[in-house]
Amino acid sequence: MRPTLFHIGLGAHPIAVHSYGFLIAVGLVVGVALAVRRGRSVGIETGATLDLTFYAIAFGMLGARLLYVLMHAREYARVCVGNGDRRSVGQWLWDCSAPLQIWQGGLVFLGGALLAAGTTLLFARRKRLDLGLVADVLAPSVSIAHVFGRLGCFMVGCCYGKAWPGGVHFPPDSVAYTELLGKHTVIVGDAATYGMHPTQLYEAAGELCVFVALLWLWRRRHAPGTIALAYAFGYGLIRFTVEIFRGDAVRGFLFQVRIPSLARVLALPVNDTLFFSSAQATGLVLMLAGGAGYLLLRRRGLPAVDAASSAR
């Protein structure tokens, strides 16, 4: 784990390049380049694709950050108010601007997905583009960008997993260490956290598999919207499964289900809660929506798109 990749020297005030922000940026660049290429293959102009990705990214980042800040509102309020120590005006402003410090980590994918999806819908209608086709163009880009995003999470230690002796140990400058310190499960002076399931890498690997599957589907004839629905189903399945191993409790549970025998097989504490977090509920909804949408497309018999032929 390396929250800060390197520093760019500028005299006495070097600029830190944070791994989370860097990997997010790399993912966005790769995603946009892929979307442009896929868009051209089905007749969507490059300019339209670039406009769409710009608005989708902007509102997606806003939604992802906003939901994260709302989920951690009490923590940000405590940082802003302080613990009674005297602070300079500059330090007070810095502490209270913590919700804006996105380079420190802190995005909730589902929040970003909602605003980005709404933006895509409005854009497609305004430009009179087929919404299903536009969604198909964007789906692989979202998937590969999410891979880089989860690698960024791993580098800073957020979205960490439950205890596992054979897992990863996060250092003192990680999000996991700081949060566990507040829960008193890590003591000041400990060299690192206890071992945890690397849930960030689990999800990154799953998203990479989904990305490869979407590229395979792209080269086959499909009704507009099929690839986007496949992504919704795949992501929902991954998120539902990875949530079993997540250890950060901020997501909350709709109700708690414990299955000691299953927990033992998964190398989790036998009394651990496995289901049913709000994120698992969302994942289940995405799986149902993806499956139902696919069946509806087949029933309607929409004309198929041969993207591979279009690319040639």
Protein backbone atom coordinates (compact mmCIF):
# COMPACT_ATOMS: atom_id res chain seq x y z
CA MET A 1 0.00 0.00 0.00
CA ARG A 2 1.31 3.40 -0.96
CA PRO A 3 -1.11 6.31 -0.45
CA THR A 4 1.40 8.77 -1.97
CA LEU A 5 3.18 7.63 -5.11
CA PHE A 6 5.79 10.37 -5.25
CA HIS A 7 6.36 14.10 -4.82
CA ILE A 8 6.99 16.70 -7.48
CA GLY A 9 9.64 19.05 -6.18
CA LEU A 10 8.70 22.74 -6.20
CA GLY A 11 11.15 24.31 -3.82
CA ALA A 12 10.09 24.13 -0.19
CA HIS A 13 6.56 22.97 -1.07
CA PRO A 14 6.64 19.73 -3.10
CA ILE A 15 3.36 18.51 -4.55
CA ALA A 16 2.28 15.03 -3.51
CA VAL A 17 0.90 12.76 -6.24
CA HIS A 18 -1.64 10.54 -4.48
CA SER A 19 -2.06 6.99 -5.72
CA TYR A 20 -5.86 7.07 -5.41
CA GLY A 21 -6.31 10.16 -7.57
CA PHE A 22 -3.64 9.01 -10.03
CA LEU A 23 -5.26 5.61 -10.58
CA ILE A 24 -8.72 7.17 -10.89
CA ALA A 25 -7.31 9.49 -13.58
CA VAL A 26 -5.69 6.59 -15.43
CA GLY A 27 -8.95 4.65 -15.34
CA LEU A 28 -10.89 7.60 -16.73
CA VAL A 29 -8.42 8.14 -19.57
CA VAL A 30 -8.53 4.46 -20.53
CA GLY A 31 -12.32 4.43 -20.28
CA VAL A 32 -12.78 7.51 -22.46
CA ALA A 33 -10.38 6.19 -25.11
CA LEU A 34 -12.26 2.90 -25.22
CA ALA A 35 -15.64 4.65 -25.41
CA VAL A 36 -14.49 6.78 -28.34
CA ARG A 37 -13.33 3.69 -30.21
CA ARG A 38 -16.53 1.76 -29.48
CA GLY A 39 -18.67 4.76 -30.37
CA ARG A 40 -17.05 5.12 -33.79
CA SER A 41 -17.68 1.43 -34.50
CA VAL A 42 -21.45 1.93 -34.21
CA GLY A 43 -21.66 5.32 -35.91
CA ILE A 44 -21.55 7.68 -32.93
CA GLU A 45 -19.37 10.70 -33.69
CA THR A 46 -16.22 11.18 -31.64
CA GLY A 47 -17.31 14.65 -30.56
CA ALA A 48 -20.60 13.33 -29.21
CA THR A 49 -18.83 10.56 -27.29
CA LEU A 50 -16.35 13.01 -25.79
CA ASP A 51 -19.13 15.38 -24.75
CA LEU A 52 -21.09 12.55 -23.19
CA THR A 53 -18.13 11.11 -21.28
CA PHE A 54 -17.19 14.56 -19.99
CA TYR A 55 -20.65 15.18 -18.51
CA ALA A 56 -21.01 11.61 -17.27
CA ILE A 57 -17.62 11.74 -15.54
CA ALA A 58 -18.24 15.16 -14.02
CA PHE A 59 -21.65 14.28 -12.59
CA GLY A 60 -20.57 10.75 -11.76
CA MET A 61 -17.65 12.02 -9.66
CA LEU A 62 -19.97 14.53 -8.00
CA GLY A 63 -22.49 11.84 -7.11
CA ALA A 64 -19.84 9.41 -5.90
CA ARG A 65 -18.23 12.00 -3.65
CA LEU A 66 -21.52 13.40 -2.40
CA LEU A 67 -22.77 10.00 -1.27
CA TYR A 68 -19.44 9.26 0.44
CA VAL A 69 -19.54 12.57 2.31
CA LEU A 70 -23.15 11.94 3.38
CA MET A 71 -22.19 8.50 4.66
CA HIS A 72 -19.31 10.04 6.67
CA ALA A 73 -21.04 13.29 7.62
CA ARG A 74 -20.44 12.90 11.35
CA GLU A 75 -16.73 12.28 10.88
CA TYR A 76 -16.33 15.34 8.67
CA ALA A 77 -18.29 17.44 11.16
CA ARG A 78 -16.00 16.34 14.01
CA VAL A 79 -12.91 17.21 11.97
CA CYS A 80 -14.30 20.67 11.18
CA VAL A 81 -15.37 21.43 14.75
CA GLY A 82 -12.13 20.09 16.20
CA ASN A 83 -11.39 18.81 19.69
CA GLY A 84 -10.99 22.17 21.38
CA ASP A 85 -7.36 22.77 20.44
CA ARG A 86 -6.43 26.18 19.11
CA ARG A 87 -6.11 26.28 15.34
CA SER A 88 -5.06 28.91 12.88
CA VAL A 89 -7.61 30.17 10.40
CA GLY A 90 -5.76 28.35 7.65
CA GLN A 91 -5.86 25.06 9.56
CA TRP A 92 -9.55 25.52 10.32
CA LEU A 93 -10.31 26.13 6.65
CA TRP A 94 -8.25 23.10 5.68
CA ASP A 95 -10.06 20.85 8.19
CA CYS A 96 -13.50 22.06 7.15
CA SER A 97 -12.68 21.58 3.46
CA ALA A 98 -12.03 17.85 4.02
CA PRO A 99 -15.15 16.84 2.02
CA LEU A 100 -13.52 18.46 -1.03
CA GLN A 101 -10.20 16.64 -0.62
CA ILE A 102 -11.01 13.85 -3.03
CA TRP A 103 -7.33 12.95 -3.50
CA GLN A 104 -7.40 11.50 0.02
CA GLY A 105 -9.83 8.83 -1.18
CA GLY A 106 -13.55 8.54 -0.74
CA LEU A 107 -15.92 7.76 -3.61
CA VAL A 108 -19.03 5.59 -3.52
CA PHE A 109 -19.51 3.97 -6.91
CA LEU A 110 -23.26 3.57 -6.62
CA GLY A 111 -23.75 7.29 -6.01
CA GLY A 112 -21.70 8.11 -9.08
CA ALA A 113 -23.48 5.50 -11.18
CA LEU A 114 -26.89 7.03 -10.46
CA LEU A 115 -25.95 10.56 -11.51
CA ALA A 116 -23.90 9.32 -14.48
CA ALA A 117 -26.83 7.18 -15.67
CA GLY A 118 -29.21 10.13 -15.41
CA THR A 119 -26.77 12.31 -17.33
CA THR A 120 -26.44 9.66 -20.05
CA LEU A 121 -30.21 9.41 -20.39
CA LEU A 122 -30.67 13.15 -20.78
CA PHE A 123 -27.77 13.42 -23.23
CA ALA A 124 -29.02 10.55 -25.40
CA ARG A 125 -32.48 12.09 -25.61
CA ARG A 126 -31.15 15.54 -26.42
CA LYS A 127 -28.86 14.20 -29.17
CA ARG A 128 -31.54 11.75 -30.38
CA LEU A 129 -29.25 8.78 -29.90
CA ASP A 130 -30.37 5.24 -29.16
CA LEU A 131 -30.10 4.97 -25.37
CA GLY A 132 -29.38 1.24 -25.49
CA LEU A 133 -26.56 1.75 -27.97
CA VAL A 134 -25.06 4.59 -25.94
CA ALA A 135 -25.24 2.49 -22.77
CA ASP A 136 -23.50 -0.38 -24.56
CA VAL A 137 -20.69 1.93 -25.64
CA LEU A 138 -20.13 3.16 -22.08
CA ALA A 139 -20.51 -0.11 -20.15
CA PRO A 140 -17.03 -1.59 -20.89
CA SER A 141 -15.46 1.80 -20.13
CA VAL A 142 -17.16 1.95 -16.74
CA SER A 143 -15.99 -1.57 -15.98
CA ILE A 144 -12.31 -1.00 -16.78
CA ALA A 145 -12.30 2.38 -15.02
CA HIS A 146 -13.70 0.67 -11.94
CA VAL A 147 -10.77 -1.78 -11.99
CA PHE A 148 -8.33 1.12 -11.62
CA GLY A 149 -10.56 2.72 -9.01
CA ARG A 150 -10.48 -0.37 -6.79
CA LEU A 151 -6.71 -0.58 -7.17
CA GLY A 152 -6.65 3.00 -5.90
CA CYS A 153 -8.79 1.92 -2.94
CA PHE A 154 -6.25 -0.78 -2.15
CA MET A 155 -3.38 1.71 -2.28
CA VAL A 156 -4.99 3.98 0.32
CA GLY A 157 -6.62 1.23 2.37
CA CYS A 158 -10.27 2.22 2.10
CA CYS A 159 -13.13 -0.26 1.48
CA TYR A 160 -11.15 -2.81 3.51
CA GLY A 161 -12.16 -6.35 4.37
CA LYS A 162 -12.87 -8.37 7.47
CA ALA A 163 -10.20 -9.93 9.65
CA TRP A 164 -8.23 -12.78 8.08
CA PRO A 165 -4.85 -13.97 9.41
CA GLY A 166 -3.61 -14.65 5.88
CA GLY A 167 -4.72 -11.27 4.56
CA VAL A 168 -3.08 -7.88 4.00
CA HIS A 169 -1.87 -5.51 6.73
CA PHE A 170 -2.41 -1.78 6.19
CA PRO A 171 0.19 0.75 7.47
CA PRO A 172 -0.46 3.70 9.83
CA ASP A 173 -1.02 6.22 7.01
CA SER A 174 -3.88 4.18 5.50
CA VAL A 175 -7.61 4.76 5.82
CA ALA A 176 -8.08 1.30 7.34
CA TYR A 177 -5.57 1.98 10.12
CA THR A 178 -7.14 5.35 10.95
CA GLU A 179 -10.68 3.96 11.10
CA LEU A 180 -9.68 0.95 13.19
CA LEU A 181 -7.80 3.27 15.51
CA GLY A 182 -11.06 5.10 16.13
CA LYS A 183 -12.78 1.79 16.86
CA HIS A 184 -9.97 0.87 19.30
CA THR A 185 -9.25 -2.37 17.45
CA VAL A 186 -5.82 -0.97 16.60
CA ILE A 187 -3.66 0.66 19.26
CA VAL A 188 -1.46 3.72 18.69
CA GLY A 189 2.03 2.44 17.99
CA ASP A 190 0.98 -0.73 16.18
CA ALA A 191 3.11 -1.23 13.08
CA ALA A 192 0.08 -2.09 10.96
CA THR A 193 -3.49 -3.37 11.11
CA TYR A 194 -4.31 -7.00 11.65
CA GLY A 195 -4.66 -9.16 8.53
CA MET A 196 -7.69 -8.39 6.35
CA HIS A 197 -9.35 -9.79 3.28
CA PRO A 198 -8.13 -7.68 0.30
CA THR A 199 -11.67 -6.91 -0.82
CA GLN A 200 -10.44 -4.12 -3.09
CA LEU A 201 -8.44 -6.66 -5.11
CA TYR A 202 -11.33 -9.12 -5.10
CA GLU A 203 -13.57 -6.52 -6.71
CA ALA A 204 -10.88 -5.34 -9.13
CA ALA A 205 -10.39 -8.93 -10.32
CA GLY A 206 -14.13 -9.41 -10.69
CA GLU A 207 -14.52 -6.19 -12.66
CA LEU A 208 -11.67 -7.23 -14.94
CA CYS A 209 -13.48 -10.51 -15.66
CA VAL A 210 -16.67 -8.57 -16.42
CA PHE A 211 -14.72 -6.25 -18.73
CA VAL A 212 -13.33 -9.20 -20.71
CA ALA A 213 -16.81 -10.73 -20.94
CA LEU A 214 -18.26 -7.45 -22.23
CA LEU A 215 -15.59 -7.24 -24.94
CA TRP A 216 -16.48 -10.78 -25.98
CA LEU A 217 -20.16 -9.86 -26.13
CA TRP A 218 -19.33 -6.75 -28.13
CA ARG A 219 -17.99 -8.86 -30.99
CA ARG A 220 -21.23 -10.79 -31.23
CA ARG A 221 -24.56 -9.65 -32.64
CA HIS A 222 -26.67 -8.19 -29.87
CA ALA A 223 -29.74 -6.02 -29.39
CA PRO A 224 -28.93 -2.47 -28.21
CA GLY A 225 -28.76 -2.46 -24.43
CA THR A 226 -27.60 -6.06 -24.06
CA ILE A 227 -24.04 -5.20 -23.03
CA ALA A 228 -25.18 -2.59 -20.52
CA LEU A 229 -27.60 -5.10 -18.97
CA ALA A 230 -24.83 -7.72 -18.83
CA TYR A 231 -22.66 -5.20 -17.00
CA ALA A 232 -25.45 -4.45 -14.53
CA PHE A 233 -25.88 -8.15 -13.80
CA GLY A 234 -22.12 -8.79 -13.54
CA TYR A 235 -21.42 -5.83 -11.29
CA GLY A 236 -24.40 -6.67 -9.10
CA LEU A 237 -23.14 -10.22 -8.65
CA ILE A 238 -19.62 -9.06 -7.82
CA ARG A 239 -20.75 -6.44 -5.34
CA PHE A 240 -23.18 -8.82 -3.65
CA THR A 241 -20.41 -11.39 -3.20
CA VAL A 242 -17.59 -9.05 -2.17
CA GLU A 243 -19.84 -7.46 0.45
CA ILE A 244 -19.67 -10.71 2.40
CA PHE A 245 -15.97 -10.02 3.02
CA ARG A 246 -16.17 -6.25 3.57
CA GLY A 247 -15.19 -5.05 7.02
CA ASP A 248 -16.01 -1.32 6.98
CA ALA A 249 -19.39 -0.94 8.65
CA VAL A 250 -20.39 2.46 7.20
CA ARG A 251 -22.59 0.86 4.54
CA GLY A 252 -25.09 -0.39 7.10
CA PHE A 253 -27.35 -3.45 7.09
CA LEU A 254 -31.03 -3.69 6.23
CA PHE A 255 -31.16 -6.76 8.46
CA GLN A 256 -28.48 -9.12 9.75
CA VAL A 257 -28.12 -12.76 8.78
CA ARG A 258 -25.45 -15.03 10.26
CA ILE A 259 -24.62 -18.46 8.83
CA PRO A 260 -21.80 -19.92 10.97
CA SER A 261 -21.15 -22.90 8.69
CA LEU A 262 -20.73 -20.67 5.62
CA ALA A 263 -18.59 -18.18 7.56
CA ARG A 264 -16.27 -21.00 8.62
CA VAL A 265 -15.84 -22.15 5.00
CA LEU A 266 -15.06 -18.56 3.92
CA ALA A 267 -12.43 -18.13 6.66
CA LEU A 268 -14.57 -15.57 8.48
CA PRO A 269 -15.46 -15.38 12.19
CA VAL A 270 -18.31 -17.84 12.79
CA ASN A 271 -20.60 -15.18 14.30
CA ASP A 272 -19.92 -12.67 11.54
CA THR A 273 -22.83 -11.01 9.74
CA LEU A 274 -22.81 -12.13 6.09
CA PHE A 275 -26.06 -10.60 4.82
CA PHE A 276 -27.90 -8.22 4.15
CA SER A 277 -26.15 -4.90 3.67
CA SER A 278 -27.63 -2.00 1.71
CA ALA A 279 -24.98 -2.57 -0.97
CA GLN A 280 -26.00 -6.23 -1.24
CA ALA A 281 -29.59 -5.09 -1.72
CA THR A 282 -28.45 -2.80 -4.52
CA GLY A 283 -26.43 -5.61 -6.07
CA LEU A 284 -29.45 -7.89 -6.00
CA VAL A 285 -31.60 -5.22 -7.64
CA LEU A 286 -28.99 -4.81 -10.39
CA MET A 287 -28.89 -8.56 -11.01
CA LEU A 288 -32.67 -8.76 -11.22
CA ALA A 289 -32.86 -5.68 -13.46
CA GLY A 290 -30.12 -6.99 -15.74
CA GLY A 291 -31.71 -10.41 -16.07
CA ALA A 292 -35.24 -9.09 -16.54
CA GLY A 293 -34.08 -6.49 -19.04
CA TYR A 294 -32.29 -9.12 -21.10
CA LEU A 295 -35.38 -11.34 -21.21
CA LEU A 296 -37.46 -8.32 -22.25
CA LEU A 297 -35.06 -7.50 -25.09
CA ARG A 298 -35.22 -11.06 -26.37
CA ARG A 299 -39.00 -11.05 -26.15
CA ARG A 300 -39.26 -7.77 -28.07
CA GLY A 301 -36.85 -9.06 -30.72
CA LEU A 302 -35.06 -5.75 -31.29
CA PRO A 303 -32.75 -5.52 -34.34
CA ALA A 304 -29.26 -6.73 -33.49
CA VAL A 305 -26.09 -4.67 -33.75
CA ASP A 306 -22.96 -6.23 -35.21
CA ALA A 307 -20.32 -4.00 -33.70
CA ALA A 308 -17.44 -6.08 -35.01
CA SER A 309 -18.65 -5.68 -38.58
CA SER A 310 -19.25 -1.97 -38.06
CA ALA A 311 -15.70 -1.56 -36.80
CA ARG A 312 -14.35 -3.07 -39.97
